[in-house]
PDB file of all heavy atoms in Angstrom:
ATOM      1  N   ALA A   1      90.497 118.824  97.081  1.00  0.00           N
ATOM      2  CA  ALA A   1      91.280 118.064  98.047  1.00  0.00           C
ATOM      3  C   ALA A   1      91.068 118.680  99.449  1.00  0.00           C
ATOM      4  O   ALA A   1      91.992 118.758 100.158  1.00  0.00           O
ATOM      5  CB  ALA A   1      92.702 118.203  97.657  1.00  0.00           C
ATOM      6  N   ASP A   2      89.871 118.990  99.770  1.00  0.00           N
ATOM      7  CA  ASP A   2      89.725 119.597 101.079  1.00  0.00           C
ATOM      8  C   ASP A   2      89.807 118.659 102.201  1.00  0.00           C
ATOM      9  O   ASP A   2      90.467 118.898 103.189  1.00  0.00           O
ATOM     10  CB  ASP A   2      88.262 120.242 101.049  1.00  0.00           C
ATOM     11  CG  ASP A   2      88.116 121.327 102.082  1.00  0.00           C
ATOM     12  OD1 ASP A   2      89.054 121.857 102.599  1.00  0.00           O
ATOM     13  OD2 ASP A   2      86.994 121.604 102.442  1.00  0.00           O
ATOM     14  N   PRO A   3      89.268 117.421 102.158  1.00  0.00           N
ATOM     15  CA  PRO A   3      89.397 116.504 103.276  1.00  0.00           C
ATOM     16  C   PRO A   3      90.853 115.807 103.239  1.00  0.00           C
ATOM     17  O   PRO A   3      91.570 115.846 102.207  1.00  0.00           O
ATOM     18  CB  PRO A   3      88.454 115.399 103.015  1.00  0.00           C
ATOM     19  CG  PRO A   3      87.516 115.777 101.868  1.00  0.00           C
ATOM     20  CD  PRO A   3      88.313 116.920 101.215  1.00  0.00           C
ATOM     21  N   THR A   4      91.195 115.231 104.267  1.00  0.00           N
ATOM     22  CA  THR A   4      92.564 114.544 104.419  1.00  0.00           C
ATOM     23  C   THR A   4      92.393 113.236 103.647  1.00  0.00           C
ATOM     24  O   THR A   4      91.496 112.471 103.816  1.00  0.00           O
ATOM     25  CB  THR A   4      92.824 114.221 105.868  1.00  0.00           C
ATOM     26  OG1 THR A   4      92.811 115.560 106.583  1.00  0.00           O
ATOM     27  CG2 THR A   4      94.215 113.654 106.052  1.00  0.00           C
ATOM     28  N   SER A   5      93.458 112.898 102.879  1.00  0.00           N
ATOM     29  CA  SER A   5      93.613 111.563 102.168  1.00  0.00           C
ATOM     30  C   SER A   5      92.446 111.245 101.286  1.00  0.00           C
ATOM     31  O   SER A   5      92.089 110.111 101.104  1.00  0.00           O
ATOM     32  CB  SER A   5      93.762 110.445 103.176  1.00  0.00           C
ATOM     33  OG  SER A   5      94.838 110.723 104.110  1.00  0.00           O
ATOM     34  N   PHE A   6      91.875 112.308 100.661  1.00  0.00           N
ATOM     35  CA  PHE A   6      90.672 112.114  99.749  1.00  0.00           C
ATOM     36  C   PHE A   6      90.690 113.124  98.693  1.00  0.00           C
ATOM     37  O   PHE A   6      90.909 114.339  99.042  1.00  0.00           O
ATOM     38  CB  PHE A   6      89.431 112.218 100.508  1.00  0.00           C
ATOM     39  CG  PHE A   6      88.185 112.039  99.779  1.00  0.00           C
ATOM     40  CD1 PHE A   6      87.623 110.709  99.525  1.00  0.00           C
ATOM     41  CD2 PHE A   6      87.558 113.138  99.168  1.00  0.00           C
ATOM     42  CE1 PHE A   6      86.437 110.690  98.728  1.00  0.00           C
ATOM     43  CE2 PHE A   6      86.409 113.021  98.377  1.00  0.00           C
ATOM     44  CZ  PHE A   6      85.877 111.737  98.227  1.00  0.00           C
ATOM     45  N   PHE A   7      90.584 112.828  97.507  1.00  0.00           N
ATOM     46  CA  PHE A   7      90.438 113.760  96.375  1.00  0.00           C
ATOM     47  C   PHE A   7      89.184 113.451  95.521  1.00  0.00           C
ATOM     48  O   PHE A   7      88.728 112.269  95.481  1.00  0.00           O
ATOM     49  CB  PHE A   7      91.592 113.641  95.312  1.00  0.00           C
ATOM     50  CG  PHE A   7      92.939 113.900  95.869  1.00  0.00           C
ATOM     51  CD1 PHE A   7      94.035 113.115  95.475  1.00  0.00           C
ATOM     52  CD2 PHE A   7      93.241 114.890  96.777  1.00  0.00           C
ATOM     53  CE1 PHE A   7      95.296 113.324  96.005  1.00  0.00           C
ATOM     54  CE2 PHE A   7      94.484 115.119  97.346  1.00  0.00           C
ATOM     55  CZ  PHE A   7      95.592 114.272  96.836  1.00  0.00           C
ATOM     56  N   ALA A   8      88.661 114.503  94.996  1.00  0.00           N
ATOM     57  CA  ALA A   8      87.673 114.337  93.913  1.00  0.00           C
ATOM     58  C   ALA A   8      88.305 114.848  92.636  1.00  0.00           C
ATOM     59  O   ALA A   8      88.814 115.996  92.596  1.00  0.00           O
ATOM     60  CB  ALA A   8      86.356 115.085  94.152  1.00  0.00           C
ATOM     61  N   ILE A   9      88.309 114.090  91.589  1.00  0.00           N
ATOM     62  CA  ILE A   9      89.049 114.402  90.340  1.00  0.00           C
ATOM     63  C   ILE A   9      88.034 114.301  89.153  1.00  0.00           C
ATOM     64  O   ILE A   9      87.359 113.232  89.001  1.00  0.00           O
ATOM     65  CB  ILE A   9      90.184 113.488  90.104  1.00  0.00           C
ATOM     66  CG1 ILE A   9      91.214 113.562  91.175  1.00  0.00           C
ATOM     67  CG2 ILE A   9      90.888 113.808  88.760  1.00  0.00           C
ATOM     68  CD1 ILE A   9      92.398 112.611  91.228  1.00  0.00           C
ATOM     69  N   GLN A  10      88.122 115.313  88.269  1.00  0.00           N
ATOM     70  CA  GLN A  10      87.346 115.233  87.056  1.00  0.00           C
ATOM     71  C   GLN A  10      88.299 115.212  85.843  1.00  0.00           C
ATOM     72  O   GLN A  10      89.264 115.976  85.761  1.00  0.00           O
ATOM     73  CB  GLN A  10      86.461 116.558  86.850  1.00  0.00           C
ATOM     74  CG  GLN A  10      85.594 116.391  85.718  1.00  0.00           C
ATOM     75  CD  GLN A  10      84.612 117.655  85.636  1.00  0.00           C
ATOM     76  OE1 GLN A  10      85.047 118.747  85.782  1.00  0.00           O
ATOM     77  NE2 GLN A  10      83.290 117.458  85.311  1.00  0.00           N
ATOM     78  N   THR A  11      88.072 114.199  85.007  1.00  0.00           N
ATOM     79  CA  THR A  11      89.076 113.888  83.913  1.00  0.00           C
ATOM     80  C   THR A  11      88.367 113.195  82.800  1.00  0.00           C
ATOM     81  O   THR A  11      87.371 112.609  82.941  1.00  0.00           O
ATOM     82  CB  THR A  11      90.224 113.064  84.462  1.00  0.00           C
ATOM     83  OG1 THR A  11      91.223 112.844  83.376  1.00  0.00           O
ATOM     84  CG2 THR A  11      89.859 111.766  85.036  1.00  0.00           C
ATOM     85  N   ASP A  12      89.011 113.284  81.672  1.00  0.00           N
ATOM     86  CA  ASP A  12      88.575 112.506  80.468  1.00  0.00           C
ATOM     87  C   ASP A  12      89.147 111.136  80.430  1.00  0.00           C
ATOM     88  O   ASP A  12      88.716 110.313  79.602  1.00  0.00           O
ATOM     89  CB  ASP A  12      88.990 113.276  79.156  1.00  0.00           C
ATOM     90  CG  ASP A  12      88.227 114.547  78.869  1.00  0.00           C
ATOM     91  OD1 ASP A  12      87.119 114.597  79.231  1.00  0.00           O
ATOM     92  OD2 ASP A  12      88.863 115.425  78.305  1.00  0.00           O
ATOM     93  N   GLU A  13      89.924 110.842  81.456  1.00  0.00           N
ATOM     94  CA  GLU A  13      90.567 109.483  81.451  1.00  0.00           C
ATOM     95  C   GLU A  13      89.496 108.388  81.862  1.00  0.00           C
ATOM     96  O   GLU A  13      88.630 108.743  82.646  1.00  0.00           O
ATOM     97  CB  GLU A  13      91.693 109.516  82.452  1.00  0.00           C
ATOM     98  CG  GLU A  13      92.857 110.340  82.022  1.00  0.00           C
ATOM     99  CD  GLU A  13      93.897 110.446  83.184  1.00  0.00           C
ATOM    100  OE1 GLU A  13      93.550 111.192  84.106  1.00  0.00           O
ATOM    101  OE2 GLU A  13      94.972 109.883  83.065  1.00  0.00           O
ATOM    102  N   THR A  14      89.850 107.174  81.484  1.00  0.00           N
ATOM    103  CA  THR A  14      88.980 106.020  81.968  1.00  0.00           C
ATOM    104  C   THR A  14      89.543 105.755  83.477  1.00  0.00           C
ATOM    105  O   THR A  14      90.615 106.259  83.875  1.00  0.00           O
ATOM    106  CB  THR A  14      89.252 104.778  81.197  1.00  0.00           C
ATOM    107  OG1 THR A  14      90.614 104.376  81.366  1.00  0.00           O
ATOM    108  CG2 THR A  14      88.841 104.984  79.745  1.00  0.00           C
ATOM    109  N   ILE A  15      88.867 105.016  84.221  1.00  0.00           N
ATOM    110  CA  ILE A  15      89.267 104.675  85.567  1.00  0.00           C
ATOM    111  C   ILE A  15      90.585 103.840  85.491  1.00  0.00           C
ATOM    112  O   ILE A  15      91.494 104.148  86.323  1.00  0.00           O
ATOM    113  CB  ILE A  15      88.080 103.898  86.349  1.00  0.00           C
ATOM    114  CG1 ILE A  15      88.527 103.799  87.786  1.00  0.00           C
ATOM    115  CG2 ILE A  15      87.968 102.497  85.737  1.00  0.00           C
ATOM    116  CD1 ILE A  15      87.355 103.360  88.623  1.00  0.00           C
ATOM    117  N   ASP A  16      90.802 103.017  84.467  1.00  0.00           N
ATOM    118  CA  ASP A  16      92.062 102.241  84.448  1.00  0.00           C
ATOM    119  C   ASP A  16      93.243 103.165  84.026  1.00  0.00           C
ATOM    120  O   ASP A  16      94.345 103.100  84.555  1.00  0.00           O
ATOM    121  CB  ASP A  16      91.889 101.204  83.454  1.00  0.00           C
ATOM    122  CG  ASP A  16      91.000  99.984  83.970  1.00  0.00           C
ATOM    123  OD1 ASP A  16      91.170  99.748  85.168  1.00  0.00           O
ATOM    124  OD2 ASP A  16      90.226  99.548  83.173  1.00  0.00           O
ATOM    125  N   ALA A  17      92.969 104.142  83.120  1.00  0.00           N
ATOM    126  CA  ALA A  17      94.044 105.045  82.723  1.00  0.00           C
ATOM    127  C   ALA A  17      94.430 105.993  83.976  1.00  0.00           C
ATOM    128  O   ALA A  17      95.582 106.216  84.132  1.00  0.00           O
ATOM    129  CB  ALA A  17      93.517 105.986  81.534  1.00  0.00           C
ATOM    130  N   LEU A  18      93.512 106.467  84.716  1.00  0.00           N
ATOM    131  CA  LEU A  18      93.784 107.280  85.873  1.00  0.00           C
ATOM    132  C   LEU A  18      94.563 106.438  86.947  1.00  0.00           C
ATOM    133  O   LEU A  18      95.606 106.848  87.429  1.00  0.00           O
ATOM    134  CB  LEU A  18      92.572 107.801  86.525  1.00  0.00           C
ATOM    135  CG  LEU A  18      92.688 108.627  87.775  1.00  0.00           C
ATOM    136  CD1 LEU A  18      93.615 109.854  87.596  1.00  0.00           C
ATOM    137  CD2 LEU A  18      91.352 109.063  88.377  1.00  0.00           C
ATOM    138  N   THR A  19      94.140 105.272  87.148  1.00  0.00           N
ATOM    139  CA  THR A  19      94.795 104.404  88.185  1.00  0.00           C
ATOM    140  C   THR A  19      96.243 104.099  87.761  1.00  0.00           C
ATOM    141  O   THR A  19      97.156 104.229  88.464  1.00  0.00           O
ATOM    142  CB  THR A  19      94.041 102.966  88.250  1.00  0.00           C
ATOM    143  OG1 THR A  19      92.763 103.383  88.753  1.00  0.00           O
ATOM    144  CG2 THR A  19      94.721 102.160  89.302  1.00  0.00           C
ATOM    145  N   THR A  20      96.408 103.908  86.411  1.00  0.00           N
ATOM    146  CA  THR A  20      97.854 103.551  85.847  1.00  0.00           C
ATOM    147  C   THR A  20      98.642 104.884  86.023  1.00  0.00           C
ATOM    148  O   THR A  20      99.814 104.774  86.414  1.00  0.00           O
ATOM    149  CB  THR A  20      97.764 103.157  84.347  1.00  0.00           C
ATOM    150  OG1 THR A  20      96.918 101.905  84.368  1.00  0.00           O
ATOM    151  CG2 THR A  20      99.062 102.978  83.795  1.00  0.00           C
ATOM    152  N   ARG A  21      98.100 106.004  85.753  1.00  0.00           N
ATOM    153  CA  ARG A  21      98.832 107.230  85.867  1.00  0.00           C
ATOM    154  C   ARG A  21      99.338 107.573  87.274  1.00  0.00           C
ATOM    155  O   ARG A  21     100.482 107.815  87.489  1.00  0.00           O
ATOM    156  CB  ARG A  21      98.051 108.501  85.241  1.00  0.00           C
ATOM    157  CG  ARG A  21      98.804 109.773  85.338  1.00  0.00           C
ATOM    158  CD  ARG A  21      98.119 110.836  84.552  1.00  0.00           C
ATOM    159  NE  ARG A  21      96.788 111.198  85.015  1.00  0.00           N
ATOM    160  CZ  ARG A  21      96.504 112.013  85.956  1.00  0.00           C
ATOM    161  NH1 ARG A  21      97.427 112.695  86.652  1.00  0.00           N
ATOM    162  NH2 ARG A  21      95.137 112.260  86.171  1.00  0.00           N
ATOM    163  N   LEU A  22      98.399 107.237  88.204  1.00  0.00           N
ATOM    164  CA  LEU A  22      98.760 107.513  89.613  1.00  0.00           C
ATOM    165  C   LEU A  22      99.758 106.520  90.053  1.00  0.00           C
ATOM    166  O   LEU A  22     100.589 106.769  90.956  1.00  0.00           O
ATOM    167  CB  LEU A  22      97.492 107.438  90.514  1.00  0.00           C
ATOM    168  CG  LEU A  22      96.459 108.629  90.323  1.00  0.00           C
ATOM    169  CD1 LEU A  22      95.188 108.358  91.069  1.00  0.00           C
ATOM    170  CD2 LEU A  22      97.113 109.955  90.533  1.00  0.00           C
ATOM    171  N   ASP A  23      99.778 105.286  89.437  1.00  0.00           N
ATOM    172  CA  ASP A  23     100.836 104.223  89.841  1.00  0.00           C
ATOM    173  C   ASP A  23     102.099 104.649  89.206  1.00  0.00           C
ATOM    174  O   ASP A  23     103.155 104.718  89.860  1.00  0.00           O
ATOM    175  CB  ASP A  23     100.222 102.959  89.284  1.00  0.00           C
ATOM    176  CG  ASP A  23     101.279 101.829  89.369  1.00  0.00           C
ATOM    177  OD1 ASP A  23     102.364 101.992  89.975  1.00  0.00           O
ATOM    178  OD2 ASP A  23     101.063 100.722  88.631  1.00  0.00           O
ATOM    179  N   THR A  24     102.175 104.804  87.874  1.00  0.00           N
ATOM    180  CA  THR A  24     103.469 104.899  87.209  1.00  0.00           C
ATOM    181  C   THR A  24     104.101 106.237  87.320  1.00  0.00           C
ATOM    182  O   THR A  24     105.319 106.370  87.138  1.00  0.00           O
ATOM    183  CB  THR A  24     103.275 104.515  85.695  1.00  0.00           C
ATOM    184  OG1 THR A  24     102.306 105.397  85.063  1.00  0.00           O
ATOM    185  CG2 THR A  24     102.788 103.099  85.519  1.00  0.00           C
ATOM    186  N   ASN A  25     103.365 107.361  87.519  1.00  0.00           N
ATOM    187  CA  ASN A  25     104.003 108.682  87.531  1.00  0.00           C
ATOM    188  C   ASN A  25     104.170 109.169  88.968  1.00  0.00           C
ATOM    189  O   ASN A  25     104.447 110.445  89.120  1.00  0.00           O
ATOM    190  CB  ASN A  25     103.089 109.677  86.836  1.00  0.00           C
ATOM    191  CG  ASN A  25     103.062 109.379  85.297  1.00  0.00           C
ATOM    192  OD1 ASN A  25     103.755 108.441  84.769  1.00  0.00           O
ATOM    193  ND2 ASN A  25     102.060 109.939  84.591  1.00  0.00           N
ATOM    194  N   THR A  26     104.259 108.264  89.964  1.00  0.00           N
ATOM    195  CA  THR A  26     104.542 108.716  91.281  1.00  0.00           C
ATOM    196  C   THR A  26     105.532 107.829  91.944  1.00  0.00           C
ATOM    197  O   THR A  26     105.906 106.787  91.315  1.00  0.00           O
ATOM    198  CB  THR A  26     103.142 108.601  92.169  1.00  0.00           C
ATOM    199  OG1 THR A  26     102.852 107.345  92.161  1.00  0.00           O
ATOM    200  CG2 THR A  26     102.046 109.514  91.562  1.00  0.00           C
ATOM    201  N   THR A  27     105.942 108.086  93.128  1.00  0.00           N
ATOM    202  CA  THR A  27     106.927 107.288  93.756  1.00  0.00           C
ATOM    203  C   THR A  27     106.334 106.406  94.937  1.00  0.00           C
ATOM    204  O   THR A  27     107.085 105.941  95.721  1.00  0.00           O
ATOM    205  CB  THR A  27     108.063 108.244  94.455  1.00  0.00           C
ATOM    206  OG1 THR A  27     107.416 109.094  95.321  1.00  0.00           O
ATOM    207  CG2 THR A  27     108.757 108.940  93.392  1.00  0.00           C
ATOM    208  N   ILE A  28     105.072 106.272  94.901  1.00  0.00           N
ATOM    209  CA  ILE A  28     104.392 105.441  95.901  1.00  0.00           C
ATOM    210  C   ILE A  28     104.916 104.006  95.759  1.00  0.00           C
ATOM    211  O   ILE A  28     105.343 103.536  94.677  1.00  0.00           O
ATOM    212  CB  ILE A  28     102.903 105.597  95.952  1.00  0.00           C
ATOM    213  CG1 ILE A  28     102.300 105.188  94.552  1.00  0.00           C
ATOM    214  CG2 ILE A  28     102.481 106.980  96.345  1.00  0.00           C
ATOM    215  CD1 ILE A  28     100.808 105.246  94.628  1.00  0.00           C
ATOM    216  N   LEU A  29     104.759 103.241  96.848  1.00  0.00           N
ATOM    217  CA  LEU A  29     105.308 101.860  96.863  1.00  0.00           C
ATOM    218  C   LEU A  29     104.202 100.846  97.190  1.00  0.00           C
ATOM    219  O   LEU A  29     103.457 100.918  98.119  1.00  0.00           O
ATOM    220  CB  LEU A  29     106.297 101.707  98.058  1.00  0.00           C
ATOM    221  CG  LEU A  29     107.494 102.727  97.977  1.00  0.00           C
ATOM    222  CD1 LEU A  29     108.304 102.747  99.210  1.00  0.00           C
ATOM    223  CD2 LEU A  29     108.380 102.406  96.739  1.00  0.00           C
ATOM    224  N   LYS A  30     104.065  99.887  96.232  1.00  0.00           N
ATOM    225  CA  LYS A  30     102.994  98.996  96.253  1.00  0.00           C
ATOM    226  C   LYS A  30     102.973  98.133  97.475  1.00  0.00           C
ATOM    227  O   LYS A  30     101.922  97.690  97.946  1.00  0.00           O
ATOM    228  CB  LYS A  30     102.931  98.137  94.936  1.00  0.00           C
ATOM    229  CG  LYS A  30     101.618  97.448  94.672  1.00  0.00           C
ATOM    230  CD  LYS A  30     101.497  96.983  93.264  1.00  0.00           C
ATOM    231  CE  LYS A  30     100.095  96.583  93.049  1.00  0.00           C
ATOM    232  NZ  LYS A  30      99.809  96.375  91.592  1.00  0.00           N
ATOM    233  N   ASP A  31     104.153  97.847  97.987  1.00  0.00           N
ATOM    234  CA  ASP A  31     104.176  96.905  99.189  1.00  0.00           C
ATOM    235  C   ASP A  31     103.926  97.592 100.559  1.00  0.00           C
ATOM    236  O   ASP A  31     103.843  96.971 101.613  1.00  0.00           O
ATOM    237  CB  ASP A  31     105.627  96.256  99.207  1.00  0.00           C
ATOM    238  CG  ASP A  31     106.702  97.228  99.474  1.00  0.00           C
ATOM    239  OD1 ASP A  31     106.648  98.429  99.173  1.00  0.00           O
ATOM    240  OD2 ASP A  31     107.818  96.755  99.963  1.00  0.00           O
ATOM    241  N   ARG A  32     103.743  98.968 100.527  1.00  0.00           N
ATOM    242  CA  ARG A  32     103.457  99.683 101.650  1.00  0.00           C
ATOM    243  C   ARG A  32     102.273 100.623 101.544  1.00  0.00           C
ATOM    244  O   ARG A  32     101.608 100.897 102.539  1.00  0.00           O
ATOM    245  CB  ARG A  32     104.665 100.643 101.987  1.00  0.00           C
ATOM    246  CG  ARG A  32     105.921  99.927 102.265  1.00  0.00           C
ATOM    247  CD  ARG A  32     107.094 100.878 102.432  1.00  0.00           C
ATOM    248  NE  ARG A  32     108.221 100.220 101.887  1.00  0.00           N
ATOM    249  CZ  ARG A  32     109.434 100.660 102.051  1.00  0.00           C
ATOM    250  NH1 ARG A  32     109.585 101.859 102.565  1.00  0.00           N
ATOM    251  NH2 ARG A  32     110.409 100.045 101.647  1.00  0.00           N
ATOM    252  N   ASP A  33     102.033 101.238 100.414  1.00  0.00           N
ATOM    253  CA  ASP A  33     101.001 102.228 100.267  1.00  0.00           C
ATOM    254  C   ASP A  33      99.745 101.638  99.613  1.00  0.00           C
ATOM    255  O   ASP A  33      99.738 100.565  99.051  1.00  0.00           O
ATOM    256  CB  ASP A  33     101.586 103.404  99.438  1.00  0.00           C
ATOM    257  CG  ASP A  33     102.835 103.950  99.970  1.00  0.00           C
ATOM    258  OD1 ASP A  33     102.976 104.010 101.208  1.00  0.00           O
ATOM    259  OD2 ASP A  33     103.800 104.304  99.126  1.00  0.00           O
ATOM    260  N   MET A  34      98.663 102.449  99.572  1.00  0.00           N
ATOM    261  CA  MET A  34      97.472 101.991  98.996  1.00  0.00           C
ATOM    262  C   MET A  34      96.712 103.225  98.489  1.00  0.00           C
ATOM    263  O   MET A  34      96.657 104.257  99.159  1.00  0.00           O
ATOM    264  CB  MET A  34      96.556 101.235 100.062  1.00  0.00           C
ATOM    265  CG  MET A  34      95.186 100.702  99.567  1.00  0.00           C
ATOM    266  SD  MET A  34      93.796 101.896  99.637  1.00  0.00           S
ATOM    267  CE  MET A  34      93.790 102.289 101.364  1.00  0.00           C
ATOM    268  N   PHE A  35      95.959 103.125  97.324  1.00  0.00           N
ATOM    269  CA  PHE A  35      94.967 104.043  96.923  1.00  0.00           C
ATOM    270  C   PHE A  35      93.859 103.361  96.293  1.00  0.00           C
ATOM    271  O   PHE A  35      94.062 102.287  95.711  1.00  0.00           O
ATOM    272  CB  PHE A  35      95.604 105.127  96.086  1.00  0.00           C
ATOM    273  CG  PHE A  35      95.987 104.789  94.664  1.00  0.00           C
ATOM    274  CD1 PHE A  35      95.075 104.895  93.614  1.00  0.00           C
ATOM    275  CD2 PHE A  35      97.230 104.368  94.378  1.00  0.00           C
ATOM    276  CE1 PHE A  35      95.468 104.562  92.370  1.00  0.00           C
ATOM    277  CE2 PHE A  35      97.682 104.046  93.120  1.00  0.00           C
ATOM    278  CZ  PHE A  35      96.780 104.148  92.047  1.00  0.00           C
ATOM    279  N   MET A  36      92.720 103.949  96.353  1.00  0.00           N
ATOM    280  CA  MET A  36      91.531 103.519  95.610  1.00  0.00           C
ATOM    281  C   MET A  36      90.776 104.618  94.810  1.00  0.00           C
ATOM    282  O   MET A  36      90.679 105.680  95.257  1.00  0.00           O
ATOM    283  CB  MET A  36      90.489 103.040  96.683  1.00  0.00           C
ATOM    284  CG  MET A  36      89.291 102.322  96.091  1.00  0.00           C
ATOM    285  SD  MET A  36      88.181 101.521  97.175  1.00  0.00           S
ATOM    286  CE  MET A  36      87.537 102.883  98.182  1.00  0.00           C
ATOM    287  N   VAL A  37      90.520 104.194  93.619  1.00  0.00           N
ATOM    288  CA  VAL A  37      89.835 105.085  92.712  1.00  0.00           C
ATOM    289  C   VAL A  37      88.441 104.577  92.508  1.00  0.00           C
ATOM    290  O   VAL A  37      88.272 103.421  92.241  1.00  0.00           O
ATOM    291  CB  VAL A  37      90.639 105.245  91.314  1.00  0.00           C
ATOM    292  CG1 VAL A  37      89.801 106.108  90.395  1.00  0.00           C
ATOM    293  CG2 VAL A  37      92.006 105.727  91.534  1.00  0.00           C
ATOM    294  N   MET A  38      87.491 105.457  92.563  1.00  0.00           N
ATOM    295  CA  MET A  38      86.059 104.947  92.539  1.00  0.00           C
ATOM    296  C   MET A  38      85.270 105.911  91.625  1.00  0.00           C
ATOM    297  O   MET A  38      85.323 107.166  91.724  1.00  0.00           O
ATOM    298  CB  MET A  38      85.413 104.875  93.872  1.00  0.00           C
ATOM    299  CG  MET A  38      83.969 104.306  93.850  1.00  0.00           C
ATOM    300  SD  MET A  38      83.273 104.184  95.491  1.00  0.00           S
ATOM    301  CE  MET A  38      84.140 102.948  96.109  1.00  0.00           C
ATOM    302  N   ASP A  39      84.463 105.312  90.782  1.00  0.00           N
ATOM    303  CA  ASP A  39      83.453 106.032  89.931  1.00  0.00           C
ATOM    304  C   ASP A  39      82.038 105.452  90.416  1.00  0.00           C
ATOM    305  O   ASP A  39      81.709 104.361  89.920  1.00  0.00           O
ATOM    306  CB  ASP A  39      83.577 105.876  88.459  1.00  0.00           C
ATOM    307  CG  ASP A  39      82.573 106.530  87.591  1.00  0.00           C
ATOM    308  OD1 ASP A  39      81.536 106.935  88.101  1.00  0.00           O
ATOM    309  OD2 ASP A  39      82.829 106.593  86.415  1.00  0.00           O
ATOM    310  N   ALA A  40      81.400 106.127  91.358  1.00  0.00           N
ATOM    311  CA  ALA A  40      80.175 105.583  91.907  1.00  0.00           C
ATOM    312  C   ALA A  40      79.032 105.574  90.923  1.00  0.00           C
ATOM    313  O   ALA A  40      78.215 104.686  90.976  1.00  0.00           O
ATOM    314  CB  ALA A  40      79.836 106.386  93.204  1.00  0.00           C
ATOM    315  N   ASP A  41      79.083 106.475  89.967  1.00  0.00           N
ATOM    316  CA  ASP A  41      78.029 106.563  88.965  1.00  0.00           C
ATOM    317  C   ASP A  41      77.976 105.263  88.081  1.00  0.00           C
ATOM    318  O   ASP A  41      76.987 104.741  87.761  1.00  0.00           O
ATOM    319  CB  ASP A  41      78.118 107.675  88.087  1.00  0.00           C
ATOM    320  CG  ASP A  41      77.726 109.020  88.765  1.00  0.00           C
ATOM    321  OD1 ASP A  41      76.984 108.917  89.775  1.00  0.00           O
ATOM    322  OD2 ASP A  41      78.215 110.173  88.396  1.00  0.00           O
ATOM    323  N   ALA A  42      79.244 104.837  87.712  1.00  0.00           N
ATOM    324  CA  ALA A  42      79.440 103.664  86.940  1.00  0.00           C
ATOM    325  C   ALA A  42      79.578 102.280  87.715  1.00  0.00           C
ATOM    326  O   ALA A  42      79.831 101.297  87.070  1.00  0.00           O
ATOM    327  CB  ALA A  42      80.600 103.842  85.995  1.00  0.00           C
ATOM    328  N   LYS A  43      79.558 102.453  89.013  1.00  0.00           N
ATOM    329  CA  LYS A  43      79.874 101.279  89.817  1.00  0.00           C
ATOM    330  C   LYS A  43      81.044 100.586  89.441  1.00  0.00           C
ATOM    331  O   LYS A  43      81.130  99.418  89.063  1.00  0.00           O
ATOM    332  CB  LYS A  43      78.646 100.323  89.872  1.00  0.00           C
ATOM    333  CG  LYS A  43      77.415 100.766  90.598  1.00  0.00           C
ATOM    334  CD  LYS A  43      76.512  99.638  90.905  1.00  0.00           C
ATOM    335  CE  LYS A  43      75.358 100.242  91.852  1.00  0.00           C
ATOM    336  NZ  LYS A  43      74.334  99.087  92.102  1.00  0.00           N
TER     337      LYS A  43
END
């Protein structure tokens, strides 16, 4: 998490599972906030 507003994460989760976890286990608000998860290797 060295840069601002950017993380690199290694996990056994699928991209959908990670996205869901970041959605459901946080207090971020869908009508105001945004995040993007990318796996460039798998496009």
